[in-house]
Amino acid sequence: MATVDEIMKLPQGAIWLKADLHVHTSASRDISPKWAKHTPEDVVRIAIEKGLDIIAITDHNTASNCDAIQKAAQNTQLTVFPGVEISTPQGHVLAIFDIGTPSSKIEDLLIKLEIPRDQFASLDTATKFGIHDVCDFIEYESAVAIAAHIDSKRGFTKMIDVAAERKRAYEAPGLRGLEILDQSLRDKYQKGVSSGYTRRLACIQSSDCTSVDSKPHELDNMASRFSFLKMGQRSLSGLKLALIDPEMRVRLQTEDNPLPKDAIIGMWVTGGFLDGQQFRFNDNVTCLIGDTGSGKSVCLELIRFCLNQTATVPKIKQEIDSLIGQQLGSLGTVHILLRKDASYYLVERTWGDHPTPPSISRILNSKIEKIDEEIDIKLFFPIKAFSQSEIIEFAREPTVRLSLTDDLIDCTSEDSKIKELKLRLQENAAITQFQLGRKEKTLQELINFPTLIESRTQIDAFLSDPRIKQHQLWYKEKTGVGCQ
């Protein structure tokens, strides 16, 4: 299990993370009374229960809870961005700072925006600056500015009546994204198709810790709205990159979950030349790219070997067997950690003159439990994988291309029927063989049949003798038993 834990901790590149970038806590005075005395641990616990990977703490005009909640999230899978929701005369703006930023720095921003310290957290205070200037201040502090709930009554599209000022706010260089309630607005802003608003801005959805029916902020409404963000690292730079490329890196909650249902999580090798080598894969990896000799083919063929789905083209298979043999030696073993639906499994296979079948174990509650029943790994976790030389062979040989076409056609049902028919044919063959044996025995018996007929004729003639019949009548009278 230690190696499994090591694999899980290895970096895996850009992945999809569930994020709520607009979370209110007890520092916001309009939070529901039932949450007025919650603890930082409550915030972290609820976020994790909601399946969130990332939250941003954005209370009204204050950062007083940011430090404590960041501390409470340490040693958990939750990432907490400190921040603040700034009230302006033109609408609300979220300022999100990098992980670990102390609340004092966020408060310094509020001071620069001329919000007095004694009015921090006040719902009745606001900076005198408009959205354009506030976003510039936020950008200068190396933070991220997102216009909050732009299509609500406190969003800038509703609060700014003058079209020219509204457009100026929209064109603010420091504005990185828009928070929307109505998902149908995304194309309008993200693709820049609205008249007068041609700038393309990323659109996200966040909860504001409210639902459709609730007006005060409720902590358990966290993740009532959320976004999926594809980030290579959980940092402000990772967030900025997602907002720069929203078509590829931002998904809203009503869209299909971008996470694949099944994935190869990682792989490691014990024994042979690659003993101790570990691999961690991104959930969305579909291709291995690298220089000659970087190990692309080795990595791919180890996966195919372990999952018992190697090449079927004889020429290629011979090359691959030689390659695997060089890397694994006589008894090298490949271990693959995979996810199927929401469950995790460990598949292991050892190389040799006669490689063992793959063994499958279930990982449950940090324990590895071997599955004893026979499982066809090709059906349990099918993959389509092709090496570089295999692809070249497909291009070169028409007959090989036909095998590729056949392989891509799902013949599972037909194969099942063929197996059933073969079984029935075997049963019929056994019955036929038995009947042929009976036939042969009967034919042997029929060879002696003429002799038996002649013997019966002689016996019948003997029984027809008058003396014999007279004797039968005498015996009947004596014993009372008929004789035929």
Protein backbone atom coordinates (compact mmCIF):
# COMPACT_ATOMS: atom_id res chain seq x y z
CA MET A 1 0.00 0.00 0.00
CA ALA A 2 2.99 2.28 0.56
CA THR A 3 3.80 2.29 -3.17
CA VAL A 4 0.17 3.09 -4.01
CA ASP A 5 0.36 6.09 -1.70
CA GLU A 6 3.62 7.18 -3.32
CA ILE A 7 2.05 7.00 -6.79
CA MET A 8 -0.96 9.04 -5.69
CA LYS A 9 1.32 11.80 -4.38
CA LEU A 10 3.28 12.18 -7.61
CA PRO A 11 2.41 15.22 -9.78
CA GLN A 12 0.06 14.45 -12.66
CA GLY A 13 -0.08 17.70 -14.63
CA ALA A 14 -3.22 19.74 -15.29
CA ILE A 15 -6.36 18.17 -13.81
CA TRP A 16 -9.98 19.22 -13.37
CA LEU A 17 -10.75 20.63 -9.93
CA LYS A 18 -14.15 21.45 -8.47
CA ALA A 19 -14.04 25.08 -7.30
CA ASP A 20 -16.28 27.54 -5.47
CA LEU A 21 -14.58 30.95 -5.65
CA HIS A 22 -17.22 32.92 -3.74
CA VAL A 23 -17.62 31.68 -0.17
CA HIS A 24 -18.93 33.71 2.77
CA THR A 25 -18.24 32.96 6.42
CA SER A 26 -19.25 34.45 9.76
CA ALA A 27 -17.12 37.49 8.93
CA SER A 28 -19.92 38.54 6.57
CA ARG A 29 -22.57 40.24 8.68
CA ASP A 30 -25.41 39.09 6.44
CA ILE A 31 -24.73 35.42 7.06
CA SER A 32 -27.62 33.39 8.47
CA PRO A 33 -27.77 33.50 12.31
CA LYS A 34 -27.44 29.74 12.54
CA TRP A 35 -23.93 30.03 11.05
CA ALA A 36 -22.84 33.08 13.00
CA LYS A 37 -20.67 31.04 15.38
CA HIS A 38 -19.24 28.46 13.02
CA THR A 39 -15.56 27.53 13.28
CA PRO A 40 -12.91 27.54 10.55
CA GLU A 41 -12.96 23.75 10.77
CA ASP A 42 -16.69 23.83 9.90
CA VAL A 43 -15.91 25.69 6.68
CA VAL A 44 -13.26 23.16 5.69
CA ARG A 45 -15.41 20.19 6.64
CA ILE A 46 -18.43 21.36 4.66
CA ALA A 47 -16.30 22.17 1.61
CA ILE A 48 -14.80 18.68 1.65
CA GLU A 49 -18.22 17.08 2.17
CA LYS A 50 -19.45 18.98 -0.89
CA GLY A 51 -16.63 17.46 -2.93
CA LEU A 52 -14.84 20.77 -3.46
CA ASP A 53 -11.13 20.88 -4.24
CA ILE A 54 -10.81 24.67 -4.11
CA ILE A 55 -12.60 27.50 -2.31
CA ALA A 56 -11.96 31.23 -2.07
CA ILE A 57 -12.93 33.06 1.12
CA THR A 58 -14.58 36.30 -0.02
CA ASP A 59 -16.38 38.03 2.85
CA HIS A 60 -17.80 41.54 2.45
CA ASN A 61 -15.02 44.12 2.81
CA THR A 62 -13.00 42.02 5.25
CA ALA A 63 -10.41 39.25 5.30
CA SER A 64 -10.62 38.56 9.03
CA ASN A 65 -11.35 34.83 8.69
CA CYS A 66 -8.88 34.04 5.90
CA ASP A 67 -5.87 33.15 8.05
CA ALA A 68 -7.77 30.81 10.36
CA ILE A 69 -9.51 28.95 7.54
CA GLN A 70 -6.27 28.53 5.59
CA LYS A 71 -4.70 27.07 8.72
CA ALA A 72 -7.66 24.72 9.26
CA ALA A 73 -7.27 23.41 5.70
CA GLN A 74 -3.65 22.41 6.18
CA ASN A 75 -3.06 18.65 5.80
CA THR A 76 -6.37 18.23 3.94
CA GLN A 77 -7.11 17.89 0.22
CA LEU A 78 -8.82 21.31 0.24
CA THR A 79 -7.07 24.36 -1.23
CA VAL A 80 -8.12 27.73 0.21
CA PHE A 81 -7.51 31.00 -1.61
CA PRO A 82 -7.77 34.03 0.67
CA GLY A 83 -9.74 36.97 -0.70
CA VAL A 84 -12.42 39.57 -0.22
CA GLU A 85 -15.64 40.79 -1.87
CA ILE A 86 -15.25 44.52 -2.38
CA SER A 87 -18.30 46.78 -2.53
CA THR A 88 -18.09 49.54 -5.15
CA PRO A 89 -20.64 52.10 -6.33
CA GLN A 90 -20.91 50.08 -9.55
CA GLY A 91 -21.19 46.55 -8.17
CA HIS A 92 -19.27 43.93 -6.25
CA VAL A 93 -15.81 42.65 -7.19
CA LEU A 94 -14.03 39.53 -5.91
CA ALA A 95 -10.31 39.94 -5.17
CA ILE A 96 -8.60 36.55 -4.91
CA PHE A 97 -5.04 36.33 -3.59
CA ASP A 98 -2.46 33.56 -3.77
CA ILE A 99 -2.42 30.73 -1.26
CA GLY A 100 -0.74 31.70 1.98
CA THR A 101 -1.29 35.44 1.56
CA PRO A 102 -1.86 36.89 5.05
CA SER A 103 -5.07 38.74 5.76
CA SER A 104 -3.03 41.85 6.58
CA LYS A 105 -2.04 42.24 2.93
CA ILE A 106 -5.68 41.98 1.83
CA GLU A 107 -6.63 44.57 4.43
CA ASP A 108 -3.91 46.83 3.03
CA LEU A 109 -5.74 46.71 -0.29
CA LEU A 110 -8.97 47.79 1.42
CA ILE A 111 -7.12 50.72 3.01
CA LYS A 112 -5.75 51.75 -0.41
CA LEU A 113 -9.33 51.67 -1.68
CA GLU A 114 -10.13 54.13 1.14
CA ILE A 115 -12.31 51.77 3.15
CA PRO A 116 -11.58 52.72 6.79
CA ARG A 117 -10.46 49.93 9.07
CA ASP A 118 -13.35 50.62 11.46
CA GLN A 119 -15.74 49.98 8.53
CA PHE A 120 -14.29 46.61 7.52
CA ALA A 121 -17.11 44.06 7.12
CA SER A 122 -19.75 46.80 7.02
CA LEU A 123 -22.54 46.18 4.53
CA ASP A 124 -23.18 49.91 4.27
CA THR A 125 -19.71 50.93 3.20
CA ALA A 126 -18.13 50.97 -0.25
CA THR A 127 -15.00 52.25 -1.88
CA LYS A 128 -15.37 55.47 -3.84
CA PHE A 129 -13.62 53.92 -6.84
CA GLY A 130 -15.46 52.34 -9.74
CA ILE A 131 -14.96 48.79 -11.02
CA HIS A 132 -12.36 49.82 -13.61
CA ASP A 133 -10.08 51.37 -10.99
CA VAL A 134 -10.71 48.69 -8.36
CA CYS A 135 -9.66 45.99 -10.82
CA ASP A 136 -6.47 47.94 -11.50
CA PHE A 137 -5.74 48.09 -7.76
CA ILE A 138 -6.31 44.32 -7.48
CA GLU A 139 -4.07 43.58 -10.46
CA TYR A 140 -1.33 45.77 -8.98
CA GLU A 141 -1.44 43.62 -5.82
CA SER A 142 -0.85 40.53 -8.03
CA ALA A 143 -4.34 39.26 -7.19
CA VAL A 144 -7.19 38.17 -9.49
CA ALA A 145 -10.24 40.38 -10.03
CA ILE A 146 -13.57 38.74 -10.90
CA ALA A 147 -16.75 40.78 -11.24
CA ALA A 148 -19.24 39.19 -8.84
CA HIS A 149 -22.73 37.96 -9.86
CA ILE A 150 -22.84 40.43 -12.75
CA ASP A 151 -26.44 39.57 -13.68
CA SER A 152 -27.84 40.09 -10.15
CA LYS A 153 -29.03 43.36 -8.66
CA ARG A 154 -25.58 43.93 -7.11
CA GLY A 155 -23.72 43.11 -10.33
CA PHE A 156 -22.26 45.83 -12.54
CA THR A 157 -24.52 45.08 -15.54
CA LYS A 158 -27.51 46.01 -13.37
CA MET A 159 -26.01 48.77 -11.21
CA ILE A 160 -24.35 50.82 -13.95
CA ASP A 161 -27.02 52.68 -15.90
CA VAL A 162 -24.73 54.60 -18.26
CA ALA A 163 -23.72 52.38 -21.17
CA ALA A 164 -20.33 54.04 -21.60
CA GLU A 165 -19.44 53.46 -17.93
CA ARG A 166 -20.70 49.88 -18.09
CA LYS A 167 -18.49 49.24 -21.10
CA ARG A 168 -15.52 50.88 -19.36
CA ALA A 169 -15.95 48.54 -16.41
CA TYR A 170 -16.13 45.58 -18.79
CA GLU A 171 -12.94 46.67 -20.54
CA ALA A 172 -10.96 47.08 -17.30
CA PRO A 173 -7.48 45.60 -17.97
CA GLY A 174 -7.33 44.14 -14.50
CA LEU A 175 -10.66 42.29 -14.84
CA ARG A 176 -9.89 38.57 -15.27
CA GLY A 177 -13.35 37.01 -15.30
CA LEU A 178 -17.08 37.26 -14.73
CA GLU A 179 -19.23 35.41 -12.23
CA ILE A 180 -22.64 34.67 -13.77
CA LEU A 181 -25.86 33.24 -12.37
CA ASP A 182 -27.50 32.58 -15.75
CA GLN A 183 -25.40 30.06 -17.62
CA SER A 184 -26.90 31.12 -20.97
CA LEU A 185 -24.90 34.36 -20.71
CA ARG A 186 -21.59 32.56 -21.01
CA ASP A 187 -21.33 32.58 -24.81
CA LYS A 188 -22.32 36.24 -24.89
CA TYR A 189 -19.29 37.27 -22.84
CA GLN A 190 -16.86 34.40 -23.28
CA LYS A 191 -17.09 34.49 -27.09
CA GLY A 192 -17.47 38.26 -27.32
CA VAL A 193 -20.61 38.10 -29.49
CA SER A 194 -22.57 40.82 -27.68
CA SER A 195 -22.79 44.16 -29.45
CA GLY A 196 -20.34 46.60 -27.86
CA TYR A 197 -18.79 43.87 -25.70
CA THR A 198 -16.37 42.13 -28.03
CA ARG A 199 -13.75 41.44 -25.38
CA ARG A 200 -13.69 37.78 -24.44
CA LEU A 201 -13.84 37.18 -20.70
CA ALA A 202 -13.92 33.86 -18.84
CA CYS A 203 -17.23 33.09 -17.15
CA ILE A 204 -17.47 31.06 -13.95
CA GLN A 205 -20.20 30.11 -11.51
CA SER A 206 -19.83 30.20 -7.73
CA SER A 207 -22.26 29.77 -4.87
CA ASP A 208 -22.04 33.07 -2.93
CA CYS A 209 -23.23 30.63 -0.24
CA THR A 210 -26.79 31.18 -1.44
CA SER A 211 -29.34 29.11 -3.28
CA VAL A 212 -32.29 30.10 -5.41
CA ASP A 213 -34.57 30.25 -2.37
CA SER A 214 -32.21 31.65 0.28
CA LYS A 215 -31.32 35.33 0.74
CA PRO A 216 -28.87 35.29 3.66
CA HIS A 217 -25.61 33.46 3.20
CA GLU A 218 -25.83 29.86 4.39
CA LEU A 219 -22.61 27.93 4.84
CA ASP A 220 -24.26 24.69 3.74
CA ASN A 221 -25.17 26.35 0.44
CA MET A 222 -21.52 26.18 -0.47
CA ALA A 223 -21.19 24.51 -3.92
CA SER A 224 -24.83 25.21 -4.78
CA ARG A 225 -23.13 26.66 -7.85
CA PHE A 226 -19.55 25.82 -8.81
CA SER A 227 -17.14 25.47 -11.71
CA PHE A 228 -14.59 22.91 -12.85
CA LEU A 229 -11.18 24.47 -13.41
CA LYS A 230 -8.34 22.65 -15.18
CA MET A 231 -5.17 23.58 -13.33
CA GLY A 232 -1.64 22.25 -13.45
CA GLN A 233 -0.93 23.54 -9.96
CA ARG A 234 -3.14 24.80 -7.18
CA SER A 235 -1.91 28.38 -7.16
CA LEU A 236 -2.94 31.82 -8.30
CA SER A 237 -0.92 31.38 -11.48
CA GLY A 238 -2.86 28.15 -12.16
CA LEU A 239 -6.13 30.06 -11.66
CA LYS A 240 -5.00 32.85 -13.97
CA LEU A 241 -4.09 30.35 -16.68
CA ALA A 242 -7.54 28.74 -16.44
CA LEU A 243 -9.23 32.13 -16.82
CA ILE A 244 -7.01 33.01 -19.81
CA ASP A 245 -8.07 29.83 -21.64
CA PRO A 246 -11.69 29.19 -20.53
CA GLU A 247 -12.67 27.19 -23.62
CA MET A 248 -10.23 24.47 -22.59
CA ARG A 249 -9.94 25.01 -18.84
CA VAL A 250 -13.33 26.06 -17.45
CA ARG A 251 -16.51 24.00 -17.23
CA LEU A 252 -19.76 24.96 -15.52
CA GLN A 253 -21.63 22.63 -13.20
CA THR A 254 -24.44 21.67 -15.60
CA GLU A 255 -21.97 20.43 -18.18
CA ASP A 256 -20.76 16.85 -18.28
CA ASN A 257 -18.20 16.06 -15.64
CA PRO A 258 -14.88 16.48 -17.44
CA LEU A 259 -13.31 13.73 -15.35
CA PRO A 260 -13.17 10.37 -17.19
CA LYS A 261 -15.04 7.56 -15.50
CA ASP A 262 -12.14 5.13 -15.95
CA ALA A 263 -8.45 6.01 -15.86
CA ILE A 264 -4.98 4.52 -15.41
CA ILE A 265 -3.68 6.35 -12.35
CA GLY A 266 -0.11 5.13 -12.31
CA MET A 267 2.33 2.26 -12.75
CA TRP A 268 5.51 0.93 -11.17
CA VAL A 269 7.93 -1.91 -11.82
CA THR A 270 9.65 -4.36 -9.48
CA GLY A 271 12.59 -6.41 -10.74
CA GLY A 272 14.50 -6.20 -13.98
CA PHE A 273 16.18 -3.18 -15.51
CA LEU A 274 13.36 -0.81 -14.46
CA ASP A 275 13.19 -1.95 -10.85
CA GLY A 276 11.71 0.83 -8.71
CA GLN A 277 10.64 2.99 -11.65
CA GLN A 278 7.34 4.83 -11.00
CA PHE A 279 4.96 6.48 -13.45
CA ARG A 280 2.08 8.86 -12.66
CA PHE A 281 -0.48 9.55 -15.40
CA ASN A 282 -2.89 12.39 -15.93
CA ASP A 283 -6.54 11.30 -15.96
CA ASN A 284 -6.90 12.69 -19.48
CA VAL A 285 -3.69 11.34 -21.04
CA THR A 286 -4.25 9.75 -24.44
CA CYS A 287 -0.83 10.03 -26.07
CA LEU A 288 2.84 9.76 -25.05
CA ILE A 289 5.15 12.24 -26.76
CA GLY A 290 8.93 12.45 -26.40
CA ASP A 291 12.32 12.22 -28.09
CA THR A 292 13.76 9.01 -29.46
CA GLY A 293 14.88 6.81 -26.61
CA SER A 294 12.86 8.67 -23.98
CA GLY A 295 10.89 5.54 -23.08
CA LYS A 296 7.54 6.10 -24.79
CA SER A 297 7.34 2.60 -26.27
CA VAL A 298 8.56 0.92 -23.09
CA CYS A 299 5.95 2.70 -20.99
CA LEU A 300 3.16 1.88 -23.42
CA GLU A 301 4.10 -1.78 -23.81
CA LEU A 302 4.39 -2.30 -20.06
CA ILE A 303 0.80 -1.08 -19.74
CA ARG A 304 -0.39 -3.35 -22.54
CA PHE A 305 1.46 -6.33 -21.10
CA CYS A 306 0.06 -5.88 -17.60
CA LEU A 307 -3.49 -5.49 -18.95
CA ASN A 308 -2.95 -8.47 -21.29
CA GLN A 309 -3.79 -6.46 -24.39
CA THR A 310 -0.60 -6.60 -26.44
CA ALA A 311 -0.26 -6.31 -30.21
CA THR A 312 -1.89 -8.96 -32.37
CA VAL A 313 0.25 -8.42 -35.48
CA PRO A 314 2.84 -11.28 -35.32
CA LYS A 315 5.79 -9.16 -36.50
CA ILE A 316 5.06 -6.38 -34.00
CA LYS A 317 4.30 -8.81 -31.18
CA GLN A 318 7.70 -10.45 -31.59
CA GLU A 319 9.44 -7.06 -31.32
CA ILE A 320 7.37 -6.10 -28.27
CA ASP A 321 8.04 -9.39 -26.47
CA SER A 322 11.76 -8.83 -26.98
CA LEU A 323 11.48 -5.25 -25.66
CA ILE A 324 9.53 -6.28 -22.54
CA GLY A 325 11.92 -9.15 -21.87
CA GLN A 326 14.90 -6.77 -21.93
CA GLN A 327 13.24 -4.42 -19.43
CA LEU A 328 11.69 -6.94 -17.00
CA GLY A 329 14.28 -9.71 -17.04
CA SER A 330 13.19 -13.17 -15.90
CA LEU A 331 10.67 -12.35 -13.17
CA GLY A 332 10.04 -8.60 -13.36
CA THR A 333 6.54 -7.52 -12.37
CA VAL A 334 4.42 -4.63 -13.62
CA HIS A 335 1.92 -3.06 -11.22
CA ILE A 336 -0.86 -0.76 -12.48
CA LEU A 337 -3.14 1.35 -10.30
CA LEU A 338 -6.41 2.15 -12.05
CA ARG A 339 -9.77 3.72 -11.34
CA LYS A 340 -12.99 2.20 -12.61
CA ASP A 341 -16.11 4.22 -11.85
CA ALA A 342 -15.46 5.33 -8.25
CA SER A 343 -13.41 2.29 -7.22
CA TYR A 344 -9.66 1.71 -7.31
CA TYR A 345 -7.94 -1.51 -8.38
CA LEU A 346 -4.40 -2.86 -8.55
CA VAL A 347 -3.48 -5.07 -11.52
CA GLU A 348 -0.21 -7.02 -11.41
CA ARG A 349 1.51 -9.30 -13.92
CA THR A 350 4.90 -11.04 -13.91
CA TRP A 351 7.03 -11.61 -17.00
CA GLY A 352 8.71 -14.95 -17.79
CA ASP A 353 8.90 -17.70 -20.37
CA HIS A 354 5.23 -18.29 -19.61
CA PRO A 355 3.88 -14.98 -18.21
CA THR A 356 1.34 -15.33 -15.45
CA PRO A 357 -2.23 -14.10 -16.03
CA PRO A 358 -2.92 -10.65 -14.56
CA SER A 359 -4.03 -10.67 -10.92
CA ILE A 360 -6.57 -8.05 -9.80
CA SER A 361 -6.98 -6.60 -6.30
CA ARG A 362 -9.50 -4.12 -4.96
CA ILE A 363 -8.27 -1.17 -2.90
CA LEU A 364 -10.74 -0.47 -0.12
CA ASN A 365 -10.22 1.63 3.02
CA SER A 366 -6.45 1.79 2.40
CA LYS A 367 -6.28 -2.01 2.18
CA ILE A 368 -5.47 -4.19 -0.83
CA GLU A 369 -7.85 -7.17 -1.13
CA LYS A 370 -7.11 -9.75 -3.83
CA ILE A 371 -10.11 -10.72 -5.96
CA ASP A 372 -10.22 -14.53 -6.09
CA GLU A 373 -12.85 -14.98 -8.78
CA GLU A 374 -11.61 -15.18 -12.36
CA ILE A 375 -11.91 -11.85 -14.21
CA ASP A 376 -11.17 -11.26 -17.89
CA ILE A 377 -9.09 -8.08 -17.75
CA LYS A 378 -9.82 -7.40 -21.43
CA LEU A 379 -13.49 -7.05 -20.60
CA PHE A 380 -12.99 -5.54 -17.15
CA PHE A 381 -10.71 -2.73 -18.33
CA PRO A 382 -10.40 -2.63 -22.14
CA ILE A 383 -7.93 -0.25 -23.76
CA LYS A 384 -6.95 0.65 -27.33
CA ALA A 385 -3.21 1.29 -27.46
CA PHE A 386 -0.83 1.40 -30.41
CA SER A 387 2.94 1.82 -30.53
CA GLN A 388 4.74 3.99 -33.06
CA SER A 389 6.03 0.99 -35.03
CA GLU A 390 2.54 -0.50 -34.97
CA ILE A 391 1.05 2.66 -36.48
CA ILE A 392 3.72 2.61 -39.21
CA GLU A 393 2.83 -1.01 -39.95
CA PHE A 394 -0.83 -0.07 -40.22
CA ALA A 395 0.07 2.53 -42.82
CA ARG A 396 2.35 0.17 -44.73
CA GLU A 397 0.35 -3.08 -44.89
CA PRO A 398 -3.31 -3.19 -46.10
CA THR A 399 -3.91 -6.56 -44.47
CA VAL A 400 -2.74 -5.19 -41.12
CA ARG A 401 -5.15 -2.27 -41.52
CA LEU A 402 -7.94 -4.81 -41.91
CA SER A 403 -6.98 -6.33 -38.54
CA LEU A 404 -7.20 -2.85 -37.04
CA THR A 405 -10.68 -2.40 -38.49
CA ASP A 406 -11.74 -5.79 -37.16
CA ASP A 407 -10.35 -4.91 -33.74
CA LEU A 408 -12.39 -1.71 -33.61
CA ILE A 409 -15.65 -3.51 -34.37
CA ASP A 410 -17.45 -4.67 -31.25
CA CYS A 411 -18.01 -8.39 -31.76
CA THR A 412 -18.63 -9.22 -28.10
CA SER A 413 -22.15 -10.49 -28.72
CA GLU A 414 -21.10 -12.51 -31.78
CA ASP A 415 -18.07 -13.96 -29.95
CA SER A 416 -20.35 -15.05 -27.12
CA LYS A 417 -22.67 -16.80 -29.57
CA ILE A 418 -19.71 -18.48 -31.26
CA LYS A 419 -18.46 -19.80 -27.90
CA GLU A 420 -21.94 -21.10 -27.11
CA LEU A 421 -22.19 -22.83 -30.49
CA LYS A 422 -18.76 -24.40 -30.05
CA LEU A 423 -19.81 -25.77 -26.67
CA ARG A 424 -22.97 -27.24 -28.15
CA LEU A 425 -20.98 -28.76 -31.02
CA GLN A 426 -18.65 -30.41 -28.50
CA GLU A 427 -21.66 -31.86 -26.67
CA ASN A 428 -23.13 -33.10 -29.96
CA ALA A 429 -19.78 -34.66 -30.89
CA ALA A 430 -19.72 -36.60 -27.60
CA ILE A 431 -23.29 -37.85 -28.16
CA THR A 432 -22.47 -38.80 -31.76
CA GLN A 433 -19.38 -40.71 -30.67
CA PHE A 434 -21.46 -42.65 -28.11
CA GLN A 435 -24.09 -43.56 -30.72
CA LEU A 436 -21.39 -44.66 -33.17
CA GLY A 437 -20.11 -47.03 -30.49
CA ARG A 438 -23.58 -48.48 -30.00
CA LYS A 439 -23.95 -48.85 -33.75
CA GLU A 440 -20.70 -50.79 -33.99
CA LYS A 441 -21.75 -53.11 -31.18
CA THR A 442 -25.12 -53.73 -32.81
CA LEU A 443 -23.48 -54.50 -36.15
CA GLN A 444 -21.28 -57.08 -34.41
CA GLU A 445 -24.34 -58.67 -32.89
CA LEU A 446 -26.11 -58.75 -36.27
CA ILE A 447 -23.26 -60.81 -37.75
CA ASN A 448 -24.44 -63.77 -35.61
CA PHE A 449 -28.12 -63.16 -36.39
CA PRO A 450 -28.53 -65.87 -39.17
CA THR A 451 -27.20 -68.60 -36.83
CA LEU A 452 -29.66 -67.53 -34.15
CA ILE A 453 -32.57 -67.71 -36.60
CA GLU A 454 -31.57 -71.23 -37.66
CA SER A 455 -31.32 -72.34 -34.04
CA ARG A 456 -34.78 -70.97 -33.27
CA THR A 457 -36.24 -72.80 -36.29
CA GLN A 458 -34.79 -76.06 -35.00
CA ILE A 459 -36.20 -75.43 -31.52
CA ASP A 460 -39.65 -74.61 -32.92
CA ALA A 461 -39.61 -77.86 -34.95
CA PHE A 462 -38.62 -79.82 -31.87
CA LEU A 463 -41.46 -78.29 -29.80
CA SER A 464 -43.95 -79.22 -32.55
CA ASP A 465 -43.24 -82.96 -32.08
CA PRO A 466 -46.50 -84.76 -30.91
CA ARG A 467 -44.62 -86.48 -28.14
CA ILE A 468 -43.44 -83.16 -26.75
CA LYS A 469 -46.94 -81.69 -26.87
CA GLN A 470 -48.33 -84.79 -25.15
CA HIS A 471 -45.73 -84.39 -22.45
CA GLN A 472 -46.71 -80.73 -21.99
CA LEU A 473 -50.37 -81.68 -21.44
CA TRP A 474 -49.38 -84.28 -18.89
CA TYR A 475 -47.19 -81.77 -17.05
CA LYS A 476 -50.01 -79.22 -17.01
CA GLU A 477 -52.46 -81.63 -15.49
CA LYS A 478 -49.95 -82.59 -12.85
CA THR A 479 -48.81 -79.15 -11.78
CA GLY A 480 -51.64 -76.87 -12.86
CA VAL A 481 -49.14 -74.72 -14.78
CA GLY A 482 -49.60 -73.93 -18.43
CA CYS A 483 -46.70 -74.36 -20.78
CA GLN A 484 -46.51 -72.55 -24.12
